[in-house]
Amino acid sequence: MGEDIGRFLFRQLMKSIKYMHSRNVVHRDLKIENILYDEQMNIKVADFVFSTYKSINKLKSYRGTMTYMAPEIKQGKQYDGRQADVFSAGVILFIIV
């Protein structure tokens, strides 16, 4: 997509993540397939099947898509869902740019 569009989309994604996290909600399955956009390139985050609002900083369950998943989830360690979402966002940024 290139840097300019990637920056535009990523900025929106990070605002969406910041909003979710401010409400103590973690997505846990952020990936390209779960980012929708309209004609003006405004994004919407979709598919909240794995999301949670309980003990988001002490999660243990194996959730998400392997290629977007933070290493601590793959290793079966306790993890902070906010950090896992940010890791997945970094993978998305790598893909779109």
PDB file of N, CA and C in Angstrom:
ATOM      1  N   MET A   1       0.810  -1.204   0.000  1.00  0.00           N
ATOM      2  CA  MET A   1       0.000   0.000   0.000  1.00  0.00           C
ATOM      3  C   MET A   1       0.849   1.262   0.000  1.00  0.00           C
ATOM      4  N   GLY A   2       2.052   1.160   0.476  1.00  0.00           N
ATOM      5  CA  GLY A   2       2.930   2.321   0.521  1.00  0.00           C
ATOM      6  C   GLY A   2       2.896   3.008   1.873  1.00  0.00           C
ATOM      7  N   GLU A   3       3.875   3.866   2.092  1.00  0.00           N
ATOM      8  CA  GLU A   3       4.035   4.505   3.397  1.00  0.00           C
ATOM      9  C   GLU A   3       2.915   5.462   3.745  1.00  0.00           C
ATOM     10  N   ASP A   4       2.482   6.293   2.805  1.00  0.00           N
ATOM     11  CA  ASP A   4       1.458   7.293   3.121  1.00  0.00           C
ATOM     12  C   ASP A   4       0.136   6.658   3.519  1.00  0.00           C
ATOM     13  N   ILE A   5      -0.348   5.719   2.735  1.00  0.00           N
ATOM     14  CA  ILE A   5      -1.603   5.041   3.071  1.00  0.00           C
ATOM     15  C   ILE A   5      -1.414   4.173   4.307  1.00  0.00           C
ATOM     16  N   GLY A   6      -0.276   3.508   4.396  1.00  0.00           N
ATOM     17  CA  GLY A   6       0.017   2.690   5.573  1.00  0.00           C
ATOM     18  C   GLY A   6       0.002   3.512   6.844  1.00  0.00           C
ATOM     19  N   ARG A   7       0.617   4.690   6.809  1.00  0.00           N
ATOM     20  CA  ARG A   7       0.641   5.583   7.967  1.00  0.00           C
ATOM     21  C   ARG A   7      -0.779   6.018   8.334  1.00  0.00           C
ATOM     22  N   PHE A   8      -1.573   6.379   7.323  1.00  0.00           N
ATOM     23  CA  PHE A   8      -2.951   6.817   7.529  1.00  0.00           C
ATOM     24  C   PHE A   8      -3.779   5.711   8.186  1.00  0.00           C
ATOM     25  N   LEU A   9      -3.685   4.509   7.668  1.00  0.00           N
ATOM     26  CA  LEU A   9      -4.452   3.383   8.211  1.00  0.00           C
ATOM     27  C   LEU A   9      -3.949   2.978   9.594  1.00  0.00           C
ATOM     28  N   PHE A  10      -2.631   2.959   9.761  1.00  0.00           N
ATOM     29  CA  PHE A  10      -2.063   2.533  11.037  1.00  0.00           C
ATOM     30  C   PHE A  10      -2.412   3.508  12.153  1.00  0.00           C
ATOM     31  N   ARG A  11      -2.412   4.784  11.844  1.00  0.00           N
ATOM     32  CA  ARG A  11      -2.781   5.785  12.838  1.00  0.00           C
ATOM     33  C   ARG A  11      -4.213   5.531  13.332  1.00  0.00           C
ATOM     34  N   GLN A  12      -5.111   5.226  12.405  1.00  0.00           N
ATOM     35  CA  GLN A  12      -6.492   4.910  12.784  1.00  0.00           C
ATOM     36  C   GLN A  12      -6.566   3.635  13.621  1.00  0.00           C
ATOM     37  N   LEU A  13      -5.791   2.640  13.219  1.00  0.00           N
ATOM     38  CA  LEU A  13      -5.774   1.385  13.971  1.00  0.00           C
ATOM     39  C   LEU A  13      -5.307   1.625  15.398  1.00  0.00           C
ATOM     40  N   MET A  14      -4.264   2.398  15.568  1.00  0.00           N
ATOM     41  CA  MET A  14      -3.743   2.665  16.908  1.00  0.00           C
ATOM     42  C   MET A  14      -4.745   3.452  17.745  1.00  0.00           C
ATOM     43  N   LYS A  15      -5.481   4.368  17.125  1.00  0.00           N
ATOM     44  CA  LYS A  15      -6.536   5.087  17.853  1.00  0.00           C
ATOM     45  C   LYS A  15      -7.636   4.124  18.293  1.00  0.00           C
ATOM     46  N   SER A  16      -7.969   3.181  17.442  1.00  0.00           N
ATOM     47  CA  SER A  16      -8.982   2.174  17.785  1.00  0.00           C
ATOM     48  C   SER A  16      -8.507   1.315  18.945  1.00  0.00           C
ATOM     49  N   ILE A  17      -7.255   0.889  18.891  1.00  0.00           N
ATOM     50  CA  ILE A  17      -6.689   0.070  19.969  1.00  0.00           C
ATOM     51  C   ILE A  17      -6.644   0.869  21.266  1.00  0.00           C
ATOM     52  N   LYS A  18      -6.226   2.117  21.167  1.00  0.00           N
ATOM     53  CA  LYS A  18      -6.169   2.966  22.362  1.00  0.00           C
ATOM     54  C   LYS A  18      -7.555   3.099  22.987  1.00  0.00           C
ATOM     55  N   TYR A  19      -8.586   3.279  22.163  1.00  0.00           N
ATOM     56  CA  TYR A  19      -9.951   3.376  22.673  1.00  0.00           C
ATOM     57  C   TYR A  19     -10.381   2.071  23.346  1.00  0.00           C
ATOM     58  N   MET A  20     -10.142   0.934  22.692  1.00  0.00           N
ATOM     59  CA  MET A  20     -10.506  -0.355  23.289  1.00  0.00           C
ATOM     60  C   MET A  20      -9.813  -0.540  24.637  1.00  0.00           C
ATOM     61  N   HIS A  21      -8.525  -0.262  24.667  1.00  0.00           N
ATOM     62  CA  HIS A  21      -7.758  -0.462  25.893  1.00  0.00           C
ATOM     63  C   HIS A  21      -8.191   0.510  26.991  1.00  0.00           C
ATOM     64  N   SER A  22      -8.616   1.724  26.616  1.00  0.00           N
ATOM     65  CA  SER A  22      -9.093   2.679  27.626  1.00  0.00           C
ATOM     66  C   SER A  22     -10.389   2.187  28.273  1.00  0.00           C
ATOM     67  N   ARG A  23     -11.088   1.291  27.595  1.00  0.00           N
ATOM     68  CA  ARG A  23     -12.313   0.687  28.117  1.00  0.00           C
ATOM     69  C   ARG A  23     -12.039  -0.709  28.690  1.00  0.00           C
ATOM     70  N   ASN A  24     -10.743  -1.032  28.863  1.00  0.00           N
ATOM     71  CA  ASN A  24     -10.299  -2.332  29.388  1.00  0.00           C
ATOM     72  C   ASN A  24     -10.801  -3.505  28.555  1.00  0.00           C
ATOM     73  N   VAL A  25     -10.756  -3.334  27.250  1.00  0.00           N
ATOM     74  CA  VAL A  25     -11.103  -4.402  26.313  1.00  0.00           C
ATOM     75  C   VAL A  25      -9.873  -4.701  25.474  1.00  0.00           C
ATOM     76  N   VAL A  26      -9.549  -5.977  25.347  1.00  0.00           N
ATOM     77  CA  VAL A  26      -8.472  -6.391  24.449  1.00  0.00           C
ATOM     78  C   VAL A  26      -9.068  -7.262  23.351  1.00  0.00           C
ATOM     79  N   HIS A  27      -8.548  -7.130  22.152  1.00  0.00           N
ATOM     80  CA  HIS A  27      -9.101  -7.822  20.986  1.00  0.00           C
ATOM     81  C   HIS A  27      -8.587  -9.257  20.886  1.00  0.00           C
ATOM     82  N   ARG A  28      -7.291  -9.435  20.942  1.00  0.00           N
ATOM     83  CA  ARG A  28      -6.579 -10.715  20.909  1.00  0.00           C
ATOM     84  C   ARG A  28      -6.613 -11.451  19.572  1.00  0.00           C
ATOM     85  N   ASP A  29      -7.129 -10.827  18.528  1.00  0.00           N
ATOM     86  CA  ASP A  29      -7.051 -11.454  17.199  1.00  0.00           C
ATOM     87  C   ASP A  29      -6.972 -10.380  16.114  1.00  0.00           C
ATOM     88  N   LEU A  30      -6.165  -9.359  16.377  1.00  0.00           N
ATOM     89  CA  LEU A  30      -5.983  -8.320  15.367  1.00  0.00           C
ATOM     90  C   LEU A  30      -5.178  -8.883  14.208  1.00  0.00           C
ATOM     91  N   LYS A  31      -5.708  -8.717  13.011  1.00  0.00           N
ATOM     92  CA  LYS A  31      -5.043  -9.165  11.791  1.00  0.00           C
ATOM     93  C   LYS A  31      -5.679  -8.431  10.617  1.00  0.00           C
ATOM     94  N   ILE A  32      -5.031  -8.488   9.478  1.00  0.00           N
ATOM     95  CA  ILE A  32      -5.519  -7.796   8.284  1.00  0.00           C
ATOM     96  C   ILE A  32      -6.983  -8.137   8.004  1.00  0.00           C
ATOM     97  N   GLU A  33      -7.335  -9.383   8.123  1.00  0.00           N
ATOM     98  CA  GLU A  33      -8.697  -9.829   7.816  1.00  0.00           C
ATOM     99  C   GLU A  33      -9.752  -9.225   8.731  1.00  0.00           C
ATOM    100  N   ASN A  34      -9.335  -8.717   9.889  1.00  0.00           N
ATOM    101  CA  ASN A  34     -10.270  -8.125  10.839  1.00  0.00           C
ATOM    102  C   ASN A  34     -10.267  -6.598  10.812  1.00  0.00           C
ATOM    103  N   ILE A  35      -9.615  -6.023   9.812  1.00  0.00           N
ATOM    104  CA  ILE A  35      -9.619  -4.573   9.637  1.00  0.00           C
ATOM    105  C   ILE A  35     -10.408  -4.261   8.370  1.00  0.00           C
ATOM    106  N   LEU A  36     -11.542  -3.629   8.536  1.00  0.00           N
ATOM    107  CA  LEU A  36     -12.391  -3.258   7.408  1.00  0.00           C
ATOM    108  C   LEU A  36     -12.211  -1.771   7.118  1.00  0.00           C
ATOM    109  N   TYR A  37     -12.407  -1.379   5.871  1.00  0.00           N
ATOM    110  CA  TYR A  37     -12.333   0.053   5.552  1.00  0.00           C
ATOM    111  C   TYR A  37     -13.353   0.403   4.479  1.00  0.00           C
ATOM    112  N   ASP A  38     -13.756   1.681   4.497  1.00  0.00           N
ATOM    113  CA  ASP A  38     -14.764   2.154   3.550  1.00  0.00           C
ATOM    114  C   ASP A  38     -14.108   2.911   2.391  1.00  0.00           C
ATOM    115  N   GLU A  39     -14.921   3.596   1.586  1.00  0.00           N
ATOM    116  CA  GLU A  39     -14.430   4.302   0.393  1.00  0.00           C
ATOM    117  C   GLU A  39     -13.446   5.425   0.745  1.00  0.00           C
ATOM    118  N   GLN A  40     -13.585   6.009   1.930  1.00  0.00           N
ATOM    119  CA  GLN A  40     -12.685   7.087   2.371  1.00  0.00           C
ATOM    120  C   GLN A  40     -11.493   6.549   3.169  1.00  0.00           C
ATOM    121  N   MET A  41     -11.326   5.230   3.178  1.00  0.00           N
ATOM    122  CA  MET A  41     -10.243   4.565   3.898  1.00  0.00           C
ATOM    123  C   MET A  41     -10.356   4.719   5.412  1.00  0.00           C
ATOM    124  N   ASN A  42     -11.583   4.875   5.909  1.00  0.00           N
ATOM    125  CA  ASN A  42     -11.826   4.869   7.355  1.00  0.00           C
ATOM    126  C   ASN A  42     -11.956   3.421   7.793  1.00  0.00           C
ATOM    127  N   ILE A  43     -11.229   3.060   8.835  1.00  0.00           N
ATOM    128  CA  ILE A  43     -11.214   1.661   9.247  1.00  0.00           C
ATOM    129  C   ILE A  43     -12.228   1.365  10.350  1.00  0.00           C
ATOM    130  N   LYS A  44     -12.584   0.106  10.429  1.00  0.00           N
ATOM    131  CA  LYS A  44     -13.390  -0.453  11.512  1.00  0.00           C
ATOM    132  C   LYS A  44     -12.728  -1.766  11.905  1.00  0.00           C
ATOM    133  N   VAL A  45     -12.579  -1.967  13.200  1.00  0.00           N
ATOM    134  CA  VAL A  45     -12.031  -3.230  13.699  1.00  0.00           C
ATOM    135  C   VAL A  45     -13.203  -4.194  13.869  1.00  0.00           C
ATOM    136  N   ALA A  46     -13.055  -5.398  13.352  1.00  0.00           N
ATOM    137  CA  ALA A  46     -14.129  -6.396  13.374  1.00  0.00           C
ATOM    138  C   ALA A  46     -13.704  -7.660  14.116  1.00  0.00           C
ATOM    139  N   ASP A  47     -14.640  -8.558  14.304  1.00  0.00           N
ATOM    140  CA  ASP A  47     -14.431  -9.903  14.859  1.00  0.00           C
ATOM    141  C   ASP A  47     -13.882  -9.871  16.285  1.00  0.00           C
ATOM    142  N   PHE A  48     -14.772  -9.628  17.214  1.00  0.00           N
ATOM    143  CA  PHE A  48     -14.402  -9.566  18.625  1.00  0.00           C
ATOM    144  C   PHE A  48     -14.658 -10.883  19.361  1.00  0.00           C
ATOM    145  N   VAL A  49     -14.603 -11.992  18.635  1.00  0.00           N
ATOM    146  CA  VAL A  49     -14.889 -13.301  19.231  1.00  0.00           C
ATOM    147  C   VAL A  49     -13.926 -13.630  20.375  1.00  0.00           C
ATOM    148  N   PHE A  50     -12.643 -13.316  20.232  1.00  0.00           N
ATOM    149  CA  PHE A  50     -11.651 -13.633  21.260  1.00  0.00           C
ATOM    150  C   PHE A  50     -11.418 -12.483  22.241  1.00  0.00           C
ATOM    151  N   SER A  51     -12.128 -11.386  22.097  1.00  0.00           N
ATOM    152  CA  SER A  51     -11.903 -10.236  22.974  1.00  0.00           C
ATOM    153  C   SER A  51     -12.347 -10.551  24.398  1.00  0.00           C
ATOM    154  N   THR A  52     -11.779  -9.795  25.333  1.00  0.00           N
ATOM    155  CA  THR A  52     -12.154  -9.954  26.732  1.00  0.00           C
ATOM    156  C   THR A  52     -11.949  -8.644  27.466  1.00  0.00           C
ATOM    157  N   TYR A  53     -12.572  -8.539  28.609  1.00  0.00           N
ATOM    158  CA  TYR A  53     -12.411  -7.378  29.477  1.00  0.00           C
ATOM    159  C   TYR A  53     -12.044  -7.818  30.901  1.00  0.00           C
ATOM    160  N   LYS A  54     -11.843  -9.100  31.089  1.00  0.00           N
ATOM    161  CA  LYS A  54     -11.539  -9.646  32.414  1.00  0.00           C
ATOM    162  C   LYS A  54     -10.045  -9.935  32.557  1.00  0.00           C
ATOM    163  N   SER A  55      -9.456  -9.412  33.608  1.00  0.00           N
ATOM    164  CA  SER A  55      -8.034  -9.665  33.930  1.00  0.00           C
ATOM    165  C   SER A  55      -7.145  -9.517  32.700  1.00  0.00           C
ATOM    166  N   ILE A  56      -7.288  -8.409  31.985  1.00  0.00           N
ATOM    167  CA  ILE A  56      -6.585  -8.268  30.703  1.00  0.00           C
ATOM    168  C   ILE A  56      -5.073  -8.224  30.829  1.00  0.00           C
ATOM    169  N   ASN A  57      -4.558  -7.984  32.027  1.00  0.00           N
ATOM    170  CA  ASN A  57      -3.105  -7.957  32.200  1.00  0.00           C
ATOM    171  C   ASN A  57      -2.537  -9.281  32.706  1.00  0.00           C
ATOM    172  N   LYS A  58      -3.413 -10.288  32.879  1.00  0.00           N
ATOM    173  CA  LYS A  58      -2.963 -11.595  33.385  1.00  0.00           C
ATOM    174  C   LYS A  58      -3.651 -12.718  32.618  1.00  0.00           C
ATOM    175  N   LEU A  59      -3.555 -12.679  31.316  1.00  0.00           N
ATOM    176  CA  LEU A  59      -4.222 -13.683  30.485  1.00  0.00           C
ATOM    177  C   LEU A  59      -3.335 -14.900  30.299  1.00  0.00           C
ATOM    178  N   LYS A  60      -3.970 -16.045  30.128  1.00  0.00           N
ATOM    179  CA  LYS A  60      -3.231 -17.293  29.938  1.00  0.00           C
ATOM    180  C   LYS A  60      -3.727 -18.086  28.734  1.00  0.00           C
ATOM    181  N   SER A  61      -4.916 -17.774  28.251  1.00  0.00           N
ATOM    182  CA  SER A  61      -5.518 -18.580  27.186  1.00  0.00           C
ATOM    183  C   SER A  61      -4.846 -18.326  25.837  1.00  0.00           C
ATOM    184  N   TYR A  62      -4.767 -19.368  25.055  1.00  0.00           N
ATOM    185  CA  TYR A  62      -4.144 -19.347  23.732  1.00  0.00           C
ATOM    186  C   TYR A  62      -5.190 -18.854  22.732  1.00  0.00           C
ATOM    187  N   ARG A  63      -5.130 -17.568  22.378  1.00  0.00           N
ATOM    188  CA  ARG A  63      -6.101 -16.965  21.476  1.00  0.00           C
ATOM    189  C   ARG A  63      -5.382 -16.167  20.402  1.00  0.00           C
ATOM    190  N   GLY A  64      -5.981 -16.130  19.216  1.00  0.00           N
ATOM    191  CA  GLY A  64      -5.436 -15.326  18.135  1.00  0.00           C
ATOM    192  C   GLY A  64      -5.044 -16.163  16.941  1.00  0.00           C
ATOM    193  N   THR A  65      -4.430 -15.502  15.997  1.00  0.00           N
ATOM    194  CA  THR A  65      -3.949 -16.140  14.774  1.00  0.00           C
ATOM    195  C   THR A  65      -2.433 -16.248  14.860  1.00  0.00           C
ATOM    196  N   MET A  66      -1.914 -17.433  14.661  1.00  0.00           N
ATOM    197  CA  MET A  66      -0.507 -17.753  14.881  1.00  0.00           C
ATOM    198  C   MET A  66       0.464 -16.715  14.301  1.00  0.00           C
ATOM    199  N   THR A  67       0.257 -16.300  13.073  1.00  0.00           N
ATOM    200  CA  THR A  67       1.224 -15.402  12.421  1.00  0.00           C
ATOM    201  C   THR A  67       1.190 -13.972  12.955  1.00  0.00           C
ATOM    202  N   TYR A  68       0.174 -13.616  13.721  1.00  0.00           N
ATOM    203  CA  TYR A  68       0.060 -12.279  14.304  1.00  0.00           C
ATOM    204  C   TYR A  68       0.252 -12.305  15.820  1.00  0.00           C
ATOM    205  N   MET A  69       0.506 -13.462  16.368  1.00  0.00           N
ATOM    206  CA  MET A  69       0.498 -13.696  17.804  1.00  0.00           C
ATOM    207  C   MET A  69       1.831 -13.328  18.466  1.00  0.00           C
ATOM    208  N   ALA A  70       1.729 -12.697  19.630  1.00  0.00           N
ATOM    209  CA  ALA A  70       2.915 -12.350  20.416  1.00  0.00           C
ATOM    210  C   ALA A  70       3.614 -13.626  20.894  1.00  0.00           C
ATOM    211  N   PRO A  71       4.936 -13.599  21.004  1.00  0.00           N
ATOM    212  CA  PRO A  71       5.700 -14.792  21.383  1.00  0.00           C
ATOM    213  C   PRO A  71       5.279 -15.400  22.724  1.00  0.00           C
ATOM    214  N   GLU A  72       4.933 -14.570  23.693  1.00  0.00           N
ATOM    215  CA  GLU A  72       4.573 -15.107  25.003  1.00  0.00           C
ATOM    216  C   GLU A  72       3.293 -15.951  24.957  1.00  0.00           C
ATOM    217  N   ILE A  73       2.400 -15.645  24.023  1.00  0.00           N
ATOM    218  CA  ILE A  73       1.197 -16.469  23.875  1.00  0.00           C
ATOM    219  C   ILE A  73       1.580 -17.827  23.296  1.00  0.00           C
ATOM    220  N   LYS A  74       2.419 -17.812  22.272  1.00  0.00           N
ATOM    221  CA  LYS A  74       2.875 -19.068  21.657  1.00  0.00           C
ATOM    222  C   LYS A  74       3.609 -19.949  22.662  1.00  0.00           C
ATOM    223  N   GLN A  75       4.308 -19.316  23.609  1.00  0.00           N
ATOM    224  CA  GLN A  75       5.079 -20.059  24.605  1.00  0.00           C
ATOM    225  C   GLN A  75       4.228 -20.519  25.785  1.00  0.00           C
ATOM    226  N   GLY A  76       2.951 -20.155  25.781  1.00  0.00           N
ATOM    227  CA  GLY A  76       2.056 -20.569  26.857  1.00  0.00           C
ATOM    228  C   GLY A  76       2.256 -19.818  28.164  1.00  0.00           C
ATOM    229  N   LYS A  77       2.894 -18.664  28.100  1.00  0.00           N
ATOM    230  CA  LYS A  77       3.140 -17.858  29.296  1.00  0.00           C
ATOM    231  C   LYS A  77       1.962 -16.921  29.562  1.00  0.00           C
ATOM    232  N   GLN A  78       1.895 -16.425  30.784  1.00  0.00           N
ATOM    233  CA  GLN A  78       0.911 -15.393  31.116  1.00  0.00           C
ATOM    234  C   GLN A  78       1.276 -14.135  30.329  1.00  0.00           C
ATOM    235  N   TYR A  79       0.276 -13.400  29.849  1.00  0.00           N
ATOM    236  CA  TYR A  79       0.553 -12.213  29.043  1.00  0.00           C
ATOM    237  C   TYR A  79      -0.448 -11.102  29.312  1.00  0.00           C
ATOM    238  N   ASP A  80      -0.031  -9.898  28.964  1.00  0.00           N
ATOM    239  CA  ASP A  80      -0.883  -8.721  29.037  1.00  0.00           C
ATOM    240  C   ASP A  80      -1.550  -8.561  27.672  1.00  0.00           C
ATOM    241  N   GLY A  81      -2.869  -8.610  27.631  1.00  0.00           N
ATOM    242  CA  GLY A  81      -3.600  -8.528  26.367  1.00  0.00           C
ATOM    243  C   GLY A  81      -3.350  -7.240  25.600  1.00  0.00           C
ATOM    244  N   ARG A  82      -3.092  -6.148  26.322  1.00  0.00           N
ATOM    245  CA  ARG A  82      -2.802  -4.870  25.651  1.00  0.00           C
ATOM    246  C   ARG A  82      -1.502  -4.973  24.870  1.00  0.00           C
ATOM    247  N   GLN A  83      -0.496  -5.571  25.481  1.00  0.00           N
ATOM    248  CA  GLN A  83       0.787  -5.735  24.799  1.00  0.00           C
ATOM    249  C   GLN A  83       0.660  -6.682  23.613  1.00  0.00           C
ATOM    250  N   ALA A  84      -0.152  -7.708  23.751  1.00  0.00           N
ATOM    251  CA  ALA A  84      -0.374  -8.648  22.644  1.00  0.00           C
ATOM    252  C   ALA A  84      -1.057  -7.950  21.473  1.00  0.00           C
ATOM    253  N   ASP A  85      -2.022  -7.068  21.758  1.00  0.00           N
ATOM    254  CA  ASP A  85      -2.671  -6.298  20.691  1.00  0.00           C
ATOM    255  C   ASP A  85      -1.685  -5.387  19.975  1.00  0.00           C
ATOM    256  N   VAL A  86      -0.806  -4.753  20.726  1.00  0.00           N
ATOM    257  CA  VAL A  86       0.191  -3.861  20.121  1.00  0.00           C
ATOM    258  C   VAL A  86       1.167  -4.668  19.262  1.00  0.00           C
ATOM    259  N   PHE A  87       1.555  -5.851  19.716  1.00  0.00           N
ATOM    260  CA  PHE A  87       2.424  -6.708  18.911  1.00  0.00           C
ATOM    261  C   PHE A  87       1.745  -7.035  17.578  1.00  0.00           C
ATOM    262  N   SER A  88       0.476  -7.425  17.636  1.00  0.00           N
ATOM    263  CA  SER A  88      -0.271  -7.753  16.418  1.00  0.00           C
ATOM    264  C   SER A  88      -0.371  -6.542  15.489  1.00  0.00           C
ATOM    265  N   ALA A  89      -0.541  -5.358  16.077  1.00  0.00           N
ATOM    266  CA  ALA A  89      -0.588  -4.136  15.267  1.00  0.00           C
ATOM    267  C   ALA A  89       0.740  -3.922  14.534  1.00  0.00           C
ATOM    268  N   GLY A  90       1.843  -4.252  15.187  1.00  0.00           N
ATOM    269  CA  GLY A  90       3.148  -4.139  14.539  1.00  0.00           C
ATOM    270  C   GLY A  90       3.276  -5.072  13.349  1.00  0.00           C
ATOM    271  N   VAL A  91       2.739  -6.268  13.466  1.00  0.00           N
ATOM    272  CA  VAL A  91       2.742  -7.211  12.343  1.00  0.00           C
ATOM    273  C   VAL A  91       1.902  -6.653  11.190  1.00  0.00           C
ATOM    274  N   ILE A  92       0.752  -6.077  11.535  1.00  0.00           N
ATOM    275  CA  ILE A  92      -0.111  -5.464  10.511  1.00  0.00           C
ATOM    276  C   ILE A  92       0.625  -4.330   9.804  1.00  0.00           C
ATOM    277  N   LEU A  93       1.318  -3.491  10.564  1.00  0.00           N
ATOM    278  CA  LEU A  93       2.082  -2.388   9.960  1.00  0.00           C
ATOM    279  C   LEU A  93       3.126  -2.914   8.994  1.00  0.00           C
ATOM    280  N   PHE A  94       3.829  -3.957   9.398  1.00  0.00           N
ATOM    281  CA  PHE A  94       4.842  -4.559   8.512  1.00  0.00           C
ATOM    282  C   PHE A  94       4.214  -5.023   7.203  1.00  0.00           C
ATOM    283  N   ILE A  95       3.024  -5.591   7.279  1.00  0.00           N
ATOM    284  CA  ILE A  95       2.353  -6.108   6.083  1.00  0.00           C
ATOM    285  C   ILE A  95       1.871  -4.980   5.178  1.00  0.00           C
ATOM    286  N   ILE A  96       1.261  -3.943   5.747  1.00  0.00           N
ATOM    287  CA  ILE A  96       0.652  -2.909   4.896  1.00  0.00           C
ATOM    288  C   ILE A  96       1.666  -1.944   4.292  1.00  0.00           C
ATOM    289  N   VAL A  97       2.846  -1.867   4.888  1.00  0.00           N
ATOM    290  CA  VAL A  97       3.870  -0.966   4.327  1.00  0.00           C
ATOM    291  C   VAL A  97       4.828  -1.795   3.514  1.00  0.00           C
TER     292      VAL A  97
END
